[in-house]
N, C-alpha and C. Protein backbone atom coordinates (compact mmCIF):
# COMPACT_ATOMS: atom_id res chain seq x y z
N UNK A 1 0.85 -1.18 0.00
CA UNK A 1 0.00 0.00 0.00
C UNK A 1 0.90 1.25 0.00
N UNK A 2 0.67 2.17 -0.99
CA UNK A 2 1.43 3.42 -1.07
C UNK A 2 0.70 4.48 -0.25
N UNK A 3 1.42 5.08 0.66
CA UNK A 3 0.82 6.06 1.56
C UNK A 3 1.30 7.45 1.17
N UNK A 4 0.36 8.38 1.13
CA UNK A 4 0.66 9.77 0.78
C UNK A 4 0.25 10.70 1.91
N UNK A 5 1.00 11.78 2.05
CA UNK A 5 0.58 12.87 2.93
C UNK A 5 0.12 13.97 2.00
N UNK A 6 -1.16 14.25 2.04
CA UNK A 6 -1.73 15.18 1.05
C UNK A 6 -2.83 16.03 1.67
N UNK A 7 -3.40 16.92 0.86
CA UNK A 7 -4.48 17.79 1.30
C UNK A 7 -5.82 17.20 0.91
N UNK A 8 -6.79 17.26 1.81
CA UNK A 8 -8.17 16.87 1.53
C UNK A 8 -9.01 18.14 1.69
N UNK A 9 -9.77 18.48 0.65
CA UNK A 9 -10.51 19.74 0.66
C UNK A 9 -11.79 19.61 1.46
N UNK A 10 -12.07 20.67 2.20
CA UNK A 10 -13.32 20.78 2.94
C UNK A 10 -13.80 22.21 2.81
N UNK A 11 -14.75 22.60 3.63
CA UNK A 11 -15.25 23.97 3.57
C UNK A 11 -16.38 24.11 2.57
N UNK A 12 -16.83 25.33 2.42
CA UNK A 12 -17.96 25.60 1.54
C UNK A 12 -17.48 26.04 0.16
N UNK A 13 -18.45 26.26 -0.69
CA UNK A 13 -18.15 26.73 -2.04
C UNK A 13 -17.46 28.09 -1.94
N UNK A 14 -16.34 28.24 -2.62
CA UNK A 14 -15.53 29.46 -2.64
C UNK A 14 -14.94 29.81 -1.26
N UNK A 15 -15.00 28.89 -0.32
CA UNK A 15 -14.42 29.08 1.01
C UNK A 15 -13.63 27.83 1.37
N UNK A 16 -12.48 27.59 0.73
CA UNK A 16 -11.77 26.33 0.93
C UNK A 16 -11.13 26.24 2.31
N UNK A 17 -11.05 25.01 2.77
CA UNK A 17 -10.37 24.68 4.02
C UNK A 17 -9.81 23.27 3.80
N UNK A 18 -8.55 23.08 4.10
CA UNK A 18 -7.91 21.80 3.82
C UNK A 18 -7.46 21.11 5.10
N UNK A 19 -7.60 19.77 5.12
CA UNK A 19 -7.01 18.94 6.16
C UNK A 19 -5.77 18.30 5.57
N UNK A 20 -4.67 18.29 6.31
CA UNK A 20 -3.48 17.57 5.89
C UNK A 20 -3.65 16.16 6.43
N UNK A 21 -3.74 15.18 5.50
CA UNK A 21 -4.08 13.81 5.91
C UNK A 21 -3.04 12.83 5.39
N UNK A 22 -2.97 11.70 6.08
CA UNK A 22 -2.20 10.55 5.60
C UNK A 22 -3.23 9.59 5.05
N UNK A 23 -3.10 9.27 3.72
CA UNK A 23 -4.13 8.44 3.08
C UNK A 23 -3.48 7.50 2.08
N UNK A 24 -4.22 6.45 1.77
CA UNK A 24 -3.80 5.55 0.70
C UNK A 24 -3.85 6.34 -0.61
N UNK A 25 -2.83 6.16 -1.45
CA UNK A 25 -2.76 6.96 -2.68
C UNK A 25 -3.90 6.63 -3.63
N UNK A 26 -4.56 5.46 -3.46
CA UNK A 26 -5.66 5.07 -4.35
C UNK A 26 -7.00 5.62 -3.90
N UNK A 27 -7.10 6.14 -2.70
CA UNK A 27 -8.38 6.66 -2.20
C UNK A 27 -8.66 8.04 -2.81
N UNK A 28 -9.94 8.43 -2.88
CA UNK A 28 -10.28 9.74 -3.46
C UNK A 28 -9.71 10.89 -2.62
N UNK A 29 -9.60 12.05 -3.24
CA UNK A 29 -9.01 13.22 -2.58
C UNK A 29 -9.68 13.52 -1.26
N UNK A 30 -11.00 13.59 -1.27
CA UNK A 30 -11.75 13.94 -0.06
C UNK A 30 -12.32 12.71 0.63
N UNK A 31 -11.85 11.54 0.24
CA UNK A 31 -12.42 10.31 0.76
C UNK A 31 -11.75 9.85 2.05
N UNK A 32 -11.76 8.54 2.21
CA UNK A 32 -11.26 7.91 3.43
C UNK A 32 -9.76 8.18 3.60
N UNK A 33 -9.37 8.48 4.85
CA UNK A 33 -7.96 8.67 5.14
C UNK A 33 -7.59 7.93 6.40
N UNK A 34 -6.27 7.75 6.59
CA UNK A 34 -5.78 7.00 7.74
C UNK A 34 -5.74 7.88 8.98
N UNK A 35 -5.16 9.07 8.83
CA UNK A 35 -5.01 9.95 9.99
C UNK A 35 -4.94 11.41 9.52
N UNK A 36 -5.53 12.28 10.32
CA UNK A 36 -5.44 13.72 10.08
C UNK A 36 -4.22 14.23 10.86
N UNK A 37 -3.27 14.90 10.13
CA UNK A 37 -2.04 15.36 10.78
C UNK A 37 -1.88 16.88 10.73
N UNK A 38 -2.88 17.60 10.25
CA UNK A 38 -2.78 19.05 10.22
C UNK A 38 -3.91 19.69 9.45
N UNK A 39 -3.88 21.04 9.39
CA UNK A 39 -4.89 21.81 8.64
C UNK A 39 -4.21 22.94 7.88
N UNK A 40 -4.90 23.40 6.86
CA UNK A 40 -4.43 24.55 6.06
C UNK A 40 -5.64 25.39 5.69
N UNK A 41 -5.60 26.66 6.09
CA UNK A 41 -6.68 27.59 5.76
C UNK A 41 -6.12 28.68 4.86
N UNK A 42 -6.30 28.57 3.52
CA UNK A 42 -5.71 29.54 2.59
C UNK A 42 -6.35 30.93 2.64
N UNK A 43 -7.47 31.07 3.32
CA UNK A 43 -8.13 32.37 3.40
C UNK A 43 -7.48 33.29 4.42
N UNK A 44 -6.67 32.75 5.30
CA UNK A 44 -5.98 33.58 6.29
C UNK A 44 -4.73 34.20 5.68
N UNK A 45 -4.26 35.32 6.23
CA UNK A 45 -3.02 35.94 5.70
C UNK A 45 -1.83 34.99 5.86
N UNK A 46 -0.84 35.16 5.00
CA UNK A 46 0.31 34.25 5.00
C UNK A 46 1.09 34.27 6.31
N UNK A 47 1.08 35.38 7.00
CA UNK A 47 1.85 35.47 8.24
C UNK A 47 1.03 35.08 9.48
N UNK A 48 -0.22 34.68 9.30
CA UNK A 48 -1.08 34.28 10.42
C UNK A 48 -0.66 32.91 10.93
N UNK A 49 -0.63 32.74 12.25
CA UNK A 49 -0.14 31.48 12.83
C UNK A 49 -1.10 30.32 12.61
N UNK A 50 -2.39 30.58 12.42
CA UNK A 50 -3.36 29.50 12.23
C UNK A 50 -3.55 29.11 10.76
N UNK A 51 -2.80 29.71 9.85
CA UNK A 51 -2.93 29.37 8.43
C UNK A 51 -2.55 27.91 8.19
N UNK A 52 -1.42 27.48 8.74
CA UNK A 52 -0.99 26.09 8.59
C UNK A 52 -0.67 25.54 9.99
N UNK A 53 -1.36 24.46 10.35
CA UNK A 53 -1.09 23.78 11.62
C UNK A 53 -0.69 22.35 11.29
N UNK A 54 0.46 21.92 11.79
CA UNK A 54 0.95 20.57 11.51
C UNK A 54 1.29 19.85 12.81
N UNK A 55 0.96 18.55 12.85
CA UNK A 55 1.38 17.69 13.97
C UNK A 55 2.71 17.07 13.53
N UNK A 56 3.81 17.76 13.85
CA UNK A 56 5.14 17.41 13.35
C UNK A 56 5.55 16.00 13.77
N UNK A 57 5.22 15.58 14.99
CA UNK A 57 5.62 14.25 15.47
C UNK A 57 4.98 13.15 14.61
N UNK A 58 3.68 13.30 14.33
CA UNK A 58 2.98 12.28 13.54
C UNK A 58 3.46 12.29 12.09
N UNK A 59 3.77 13.49 11.56
CA UNK A 59 4.27 13.57 10.18
C UNK A 59 5.63 12.88 10.08
N UNK A 60 6.51 13.09 11.05
CA UNK A 60 7.81 12.43 11.04
C UNK A 60 7.65 10.92 11.16
N UNK A 61 6.68 10.49 11.95
CA UNK A 61 6.41 9.05 12.08
C UNK A 61 6.04 8.47 10.71
N UNK A 62 5.10 9.12 10.01
CA UNK A 62 4.65 8.61 8.72
C UNK A 62 5.73 8.72 7.66
N UNK A 63 6.55 9.74 7.70
CA UNK A 63 7.67 9.83 6.76
C UNK A 63 8.64 8.67 7.01
N UNK A 64 8.82 8.32 8.27
CA UNK A 64 9.66 7.17 8.62
C UNK A 64 9.09 5.86 8.12
N UNK A 65 7.77 5.75 8.01
CA UNK A 65 7.10 4.55 7.50
C UNK A 65 7.10 4.50 5.97
N UNK A 66 7.59 5.61 5.31
CA UNK A 66 7.67 5.61 3.85
C UNK A 66 6.59 6.43 3.15
N UNK A 67 5.85 7.23 3.87
CA UNK A 67 4.82 8.08 3.25
C UNK A 67 5.48 9.17 2.42
N UNK A 68 4.93 9.44 1.26
CA UNK A 68 5.46 10.47 0.37
C UNK A 68 4.53 11.70 0.39
N UNK A 69 5.08 12.87 0.69
CA UNK A 69 4.22 14.07 0.67
C UNK A 69 4.02 14.57 -0.77
N UNK A 70 2.86 15.17 -0.99
CA UNK A 70 2.64 15.82 -2.29
C UNK A 70 3.48 17.10 -2.34
N UNK A 71 3.55 17.72 -3.48
CA UNK A 71 4.39 18.91 -3.63
C UNK A 71 3.96 20.02 -2.68
N UNK A 72 2.68 20.28 -2.58
CA UNK A 72 2.19 21.36 -1.72
C UNK A 72 2.51 21.06 -0.25
N UNK A 73 2.27 19.82 0.17
CA UNK A 73 2.57 19.45 1.55
C UNK A 73 4.07 19.50 1.79
N UNK A 74 4.86 19.11 0.79
CA UNK A 74 6.31 19.18 0.93
C UNK A 74 6.76 20.62 1.13
N UNK A 75 6.09 21.56 0.50
CA UNK A 75 6.40 22.98 0.71
C UNK A 75 6.11 23.38 2.16
N UNK A 76 4.98 22.94 2.68
CA UNK A 76 4.64 23.23 4.08
C UNK A 76 5.68 22.64 5.02
N UNK A 77 6.08 21.39 4.76
CA UNK A 77 7.04 20.71 5.62
C UNK A 77 8.42 21.37 5.53
N UNK A 78 8.78 21.85 4.35
CA UNK A 78 10.05 22.55 4.18
C UNK A 78 10.02 23.86 4.98
N UNK A 79 8.90 24.57 4.95
CA UNK A 79 8.77 25.82 5.71
C UNK A 79 8.82 25.55 7.22
N UNK A 80 8.30 24.38 7.63
CA UNK A 80 8.31 24.03 9.05
C UNK A 80 9.64 23.44 9.49
N UNK A 81 10.53 23.12 8.54
CA UNK A 81 11.84 22.57 8.86
C UNK A 81 11.83 21.07 9.06
N UNK A 82 10.77 20.38 8.67
CA UNK A 82 10.67 18.94 8.85
C UNK A 82 11.37 18.20 7.71
N UNK A 83 11.22 18.70 6.50
CA UNK A 83 11.71 18.02 5.30
C UNK A 83 12.43 19.03 4.43
N UNK A 84 13.53 18.63 3.82
CA UNK A 84 14.24 19.52 2.90
C UNK A 84 13.75 19.21 1.49
N UNK A 85 13.22 20.22 0.83
CA UNK A 85 12.68 20.06 -0.52
C UNK A 85 13.53 20.86 -1.49
N UNK A 86 13.93 20.23 -2.57
CA UNK A 86 14.68 20.93 -3.61
C UNK A 86 13.68 21.71 -4.47
N UNK A 87 13.97 22.98 -4.71
CA UNK A 87 13.05 23.75 -5.55
C UNK A 87 13.06 23.22 -6.98
N UNK A 88 11.90 23.15 -7.56
CA UNK A 88 11.78 22.68 -8.94
C UNK A 88 11.96 23.83 -9.90
N UNK A 89 12.39 23.50 -11.11
CA UNK A 89 12.59 24.52 -12.13
C UNK A 89 11.90 24.06 -13.40
N UNK A 90 10.91 24.79 -13.82
CA UNK A 90 10.20 24.49 -15.06
C UNK A 90 10.35 25.70 -15.97
N UNK A 91 11.37 25.70 -16.83
CA UNK A 91 11.59 26.88 -17.68
C UNK A 91 10.50 27.09 -18.72
N UNK A 92 9.73 26.04 -19.02
CA UNK A 92 8.68 26.16 -20.03
C UNK A 92 7.37 26.67 -19.44
N UNK A 93 7.29 26.83 -18.13
CA UNK A 93 6.05 27.23 -17.49
C UNK A 93 5.57 28.60 -17.96
N UNK A 94 6.50 29.54 -18.08
CA UNK A 94 6.13 30.91 -18.44
C UNK A 94 6.03 31.15 -19.94
N UNK A 95 6.39 30.16 -20.75
CA UNK A 95 6.34 30.36 -22.21
C UNK A 95 4.92 30.22 -22.72
N UNK A 96 4.55 31.05 -23.70
CA UNK A 96 3.20 30.94 -24.26
C UNK A 96 3.06 29.67 -25.11
N UNK A 97 1.83 29.23 -25.29
CA UNK A 97 1.55 28.04 -26.07
C UNK A 97 1.66 28.29 -27.57
N UNK A 98 1.36 27.27 -28.36
CA UNK A 98 1.50 27.35 -29.82
C UNK A 98 0.56 28.40 -30.42
N UNK A 99 -0.69 28.40 -29.99
CA UNK A 99 -1.64 29.37 -30.54
C UNK A 99 -1.28 30.80 -30.16
N UNK A 100 -0.82 30.97 -28.94
CA UNK A 100 -0.40 32.31 -28.50
C UNK A 100 0.80 32.77 -29.32
N UNK A 101 1.71 31.86 -29.63
CA UNK A 101 2.86 32.22 -30.47
C UNK A 101 2.41 32.64 -31.86
N UNK A 102 1.41 31.93 -32.41
CA UNK A 102 0.87 32.30 -33.72
C UNK A 102 0.27 33.71 -33.67
N UNK A 103 -0.48 34.00 -32.62
CA UNK A 103 -1.08 35.34 -32.49
C UNK A 103 0.00 36.41 -32.37
N UNK A 104 1.06 36.09 -31.64
CA UNK A 104 2.16 37.05 -31.49
C UNK A 104 2.81 37.32 -32.85
N UNK A 105 3.02 36.26 -33.64
CA UNK A 105 3.62 36.41 -34.97
C UNK A 105 2.71 37.26 -35.87
N UNK A 106 1.40 37.01 -35.80
CA UNK A 106 0.46 37.80 -36.60
C UNK A 106 0.51 39.27 -36.20
N UNK A 107 0.58 39.54 -34.91
CA UNK A 107 0.67 40.92 -34.44
C UNK A 107 1.94 41.58 -34.91
N UNK A 108 3.06 40.84 -34.90
CA UNK A 108 4.32 41.40 -35.39
C UNK A 108 4.22 41.73 -36.87
N UNK A 109 3.60 40.83 -37.65
CA UNK A 109 3.44 41.08 -39.09
C UNK A 109 2.56 42.30 -39.33
N UNK A 110 1.48 42.42 -38.58
CA UNK A 110 0.59 43.58 -38.73
C UNK A 110 1.31 44.87 -38.37
N UNK A 111 2.11 44.81 -37.31
CA UNK A 111 2.86 46.00 -36.89
C UNK A 111 3.89 46.39 -37.96
N UNK A 112 4.56 45.39 -38.55
CA UNK A 112 5.53 45.68 -39.60
C UNK A 112 4.83 46.28 -40.82
N UNK A 113 3.66 45.73 -41.18
CA UNK A 113 2.90 46.25 -42.31
C UNK A 113 2.45 47.69 -42.04
N UNK A 114 2.03 47.95 -40.82
CA UNK A 114 1.60 49.30 -40.46
C UNK A 114 2.77 50.28 -40.54
N UNK A 115 3.95 49.85 -40.10
CA UNK A 115 5.13 50.72 -40.18
C UNK A 115 5.49 51.02 -41.63
N UNK A 116 5.41 49.98 -42.48
CA UNK A 116 5.70 50.18 -43.90
C UNK A 116 4.70 51.14 -44.52
N UNK A 117 3.43 50.98 -44.18
CA UNK A 117 2.40 51.86 -44.72
C UNK A 117 2.62 53.29 -44.24
N UNK A 118 3.00 53.44 -42.99
CA UNK A 118 3.27 54.78 -42.46
C UNK A 118 4.48 55.40 -43.15
N UNK A 119 5.50 54.59 -43.39
CA UNK A 119 6.69 55.10 -44.08
C UNK A 119 6.35 55.50 -45.52
N UNK A 120 5.53 54.70 -46.20
CA UNK A 120 5.11 55.03 -47.56
C UNK A 120 4.27 56.30 -47.58
N UNK A 121 3.39 56.44 -46.61
CA UNK A 121 2.55 57.65 -46.54
C UNK A 121 3.41 58.87 -46.27
N UNK A 122 4.40 58.72 -45.41
CA UNK A 122 5.31 59.83 -45.11
C UNK A 122 6.13 60.19 -46.34
N UNK A 123 6.58 59.17 -47.07
CA UNK A 123 7.35 59.41 -48.29
C UNK A 123 6.48 60.12 -49.33
N UNK A 124 5.22 59.69 -49.45
CA UNK A 124 4.30 60.33 -50.39
C UNK A 124 4.04 61.77 -49.98
N UNK A 125 3.93 62.01 -48.68
CA UNK A 125 3.71 63.37 -48.19
C UNK A 125 4.92 64.25 -48.49
N UNK A 126 6.12 63.70 -48.31
CA UNK A 126 7.33 64.46 -48.62
C UNK A 126 7.40 64.77 -50.10
N UNK A 127 7.05 63.80 -50.93
CA UNK A 127 7.06 64.01 -52.38
C UNK A 127 6.05 65.08 -52.76
N UNK A 128 4.88 65.05 -52.19
CA UNK A 128 3.85 66.05 -52.47
C UNK A 128 4.31 67.43 -52.03
N UNK A 129 4.95 67.50 -50.86
CA UNK A 129 5.47 68.78 -50.37
C UNK A 129 6.55 69.32 -51.30
N UNK A 130 7.41 68.41 -51.77
CA UNK A 130 8.47 68.83 -52.68
C UNK A 130 7.89 69.37 -53.98
N UNK A 131 6.87 68.71 -54.53
CA UNK A 131 6.23 69.18 -55.75
C UNK A 131 5.54 70.52 -55.49
N UNK A 132 4.92 70.65 -54.34
CA UNK A 132 4.23 71.90 -54.02
C UNK A 132 5.24 73.04 -53.87
N UNK A 133 6.40 72.75 -53.32
CA UNK A 133 7.44 73.77 -53.16
C UNK A 133 7.96 74.19 -54.53
N UNK A 134 8.13 73.23 -55.45
CA UNK A 134 8.60 73.55 -56.79
C UNK A 134 7.58 74.38 -57.55
N UNK A 135 6.30 74.07 -57.41
CA UNK A 135 5.25 74.79 -58.12
C UNK A 135 4.95 76.12 -57.46
N UNK A 136 5.18 76.23 -56.19
CA UNK A 136 4.81 77.43 -55.44
C UNK A 136 5.50 78.69 -55.96
N UNK A 137 6.83 78.72 -56.24
CA UNK A 137 7.43 79.96 -56.72
C UNK A 137 6.82 80.39 -58.06
N UNK A 138 6.56 79.46 -58.94
CA UNK A 138 5.97 79.80 -60.23
C UNK A 138 4.55 80.31 -60.04
N UNK A 139 3.83 79.73 -59.14
CA UNK A 139 2.46 80.15 -58.89
C UNK A 139 2.42 81.47 -58.14
N UNK A 140 3.40 81.72 -57.28
CA UNK A 140 3.39 82.94 -56.49
C UNK A 140 3.75 84.16 -57.34
N UNK A 141 4.62 83.99 -58.32
CA UNK A 141 5.05 85.12 -59.14
C UNK A 141 3.86 85.76 -59.87
N UNK A 142 3.02 85.00 -60.57
CA UNK A 142 1.88 85.64 -61.21
C UNK A 142 0.91 86.23 -60.20
N UNK A 143 0.79 85.63 -59.07
CA UNK A 143 -0.12 86.15 -58.06
C UNK A 143 0.36 87.52 -57.61
N UNK A 144 1.67 87.68 -57.49
CA UNK A 144 2.21 88.97 -57.07
C UNK A 144 2.05 90.02 -58.17
N UNK A 145 2.17 89.58 -59.42
CA UNK A 145 2.04 90.53 -60.53
C UNK A 145 0.59 90.92 -60.76
N UNK A 146 -0.31 90.04 -60.49
CA UNK A 146 -1.71 90.30 -60.75
C UNK A 146 -2.26 91.46 -59.93
N UNK A 147 -1.95 91.59 -58.65
CA UNK A 147 -2.51 92.71 -57.92
C UNK A 147 -1.98 94.06 -58.43
N UNK A 148 -0.75 94.12 -58.87
CA UNK A 148 -0.21 95.39 -59.34
C UNK A 148 -0.95 95.92 -60.56
N UNK A 149 -1.17 95.11 -61.62
CA UNK A 149 -1.94 95.64 -62.74
C UNK A 149 -3.37 95.97 -62.34
N UNK A 150 -3.92 95.23 -61.43
CA UNK A 150 -5.28 95.53 -60.99
C UNK A 150 -5.30 96.91 -60.36
N UNK A 151 -4.25 97.23 -59.63
CA UNK A 151 -4.18 98.57 -59.03
C UNK A 151 -4.04 99.62 -60.11
N UNK A 152 -3.32 99.30 -61.16
CA UNK A 152 -3.15 100.26 -62.24
C UNK A 152 -4.43 100.38 -63.05
N UNK A 153 -5.15 99.27 -63.19
CA UNK A 153 -6.38 99.30 -63.98
C UNK A 153 -7.46 100.10 -63.28
N UNK A 154 -7.45 100.07 -61.99
CA UNK A 154 -8.49 100.78 -61.27
C UNK A 154 -8.47 102.27 -61.61
N UNK A 155 -7.31 102.94 -61.62
CA UNK A 155 -7.36 104.34 -62.03
C UNK A 155 -7.75 104.49 -63.50
N UNK A 156 -7.36 103.54 -64.32
CA UNK A 156 -7.71 103.62 -65.73
C UNK A 156 -9.22 103.49 -65.89
N UNK A 157 -9.81 102.63 -65.11
CA UNK A 157 -11.27 102.48 -65.19
C UNK A 157 -11.93 103.78 -64.75
N UNK A 158 -11.35 104.39 -63.70
CA UNK A 158 -11.90 105.65 -63.24
C UNK A 158 -11.79 106.70 -64.35
N UNK A 159 -10.67 106.66 -65.02
CA UNK A 159 -10.48 107.63 -66.12
C UNK A 159 -11.46 107.36 -67.23
N UNK A 160 -11.68 106.08 -67.55
CA UNK A 160 -12.63 105.74 -68.60
C UNK A 160 -14.03 106.14 -68.17
N UNK A 161 -14.32 105.96 -66.92
CA UNK A 161 -15.64 106.33 -66.43
C UNK A 161 -15.81 107.84 -66.50
N UNK A 162 -14.72 108.56 -66.24
CA UNK A 162 -14.79 110.00 -66.30
C UNK A 162 -14.98 110.46 -67.73
N UNK A 163 -14.35 109.73 -68.68
CA UNK A 163 -14.50 110.11 -70.08
C UNK A 163 -15.92 109.90 -70.54
N UNK A 164 -16.55 108.86 -70.07
CA UNK A 164 -17.92 108.59 -70.49
C UNK A 164 -18.86 109.63 -69.91
N UNK A 165 -18.57 110.06 -68.70
CA UNK A 165 -19.44 111.07 -68.10
C UNK A 165 -19.05 112.44 -68.65
N UNK A 166 -19.95 113.09 -69.16
CA UNK A 166 -19.62 114.44 -69.64
C UNK A 166 -19.39 115.38 -68.48
N UNK A 167 -18.36 116.13 -68.59
CA UNK A 167 -18.06 117.09 -67.55
C UNK A 167 -19.12 118.18 -67.55
N UNK A 168 -19.13 119.03 -66.59
CA UNK A 168 -20.14 120.09 -66.48
C UNK A 168 -20.00 121.07 -67.64
N UNK A 169 -18.76 121.26 -68.05
CA UNK A 169 -18.55 122.19 -69.17
C UNK A 169 -19.14 121.63 -70.44
N UNK A 170 -18.94 120.29 -70.65
CA UNK A 170 -19.48 119.67 -71.85
C UNK A 170 -21.00 119.71 -71.83
N UNK A 171 -21.58 119.58 -70.65
CA UNK A 171 -23.03 119.60 -70.54
C UNK A 171 -23.55 120.99 -70.94
N UNK A 172 -22.83 122.00 -70.54
CA UNK A 172 -23.28 123.38 -70.86
C UNK A 172 -23.17 123.59 -72.35
N UNK A 173 -22.10 123.10 -72.98
CA UNK A 173 -21.90 123.31 -74.42
C UNK A 173 -22.97 122.57 -75.21
N UNK A 174 -23.30 121.38 -74.77
CA UNK A 174 -24.30 120.61 -75.49
C UNK A 174 -25.66 121.25 -75.33
N UNK A 175 -25.89 121.78 -74.16
CA UNK A 175 -27.20 122.39 -73.89
C UNK A 175 -27.35 123.70 -74.61
N UNK A 176 -26.31 124.35 -75.01
CA UNK A 176 -26.41 125.65 -75.60
C UNK A 176 -26.65 125.63 -77.05
């Protein structure tokens, strides 16, 4: 019979409370156990003394009989100084999965395409500005010349209007 020191869940829905038990490895998680050797209340703060309670003497007895603690219980026992646990290293734990990698690649491609489009738009804007600068001096020169003749024409129009209007002397001569 393989004996494990593990957690058995109790408590209400969304209010977990665990018993640290010695049980046959084939029995269900919350099922029959050999002996209760402690408790764990994850709802309490980490520095609270009642968060983890262990019967160290009974745990040492069962470890001597060949009981194997689960990883979580081994962490508790390591913190209590009963058992030395080597920290595990899983370098792949933080890596994204295959689908997440595909999404990341798609985002990179979209970002590269957006940068290219922005660069092309900027290049087109520079080209348009350059053409506008080249055309602007030619367009500005006639604009500057146009107001000057208009100013000259205005007195000429006044003169033409005066010629059409008979002066008072001409009116007297015609009337006589």
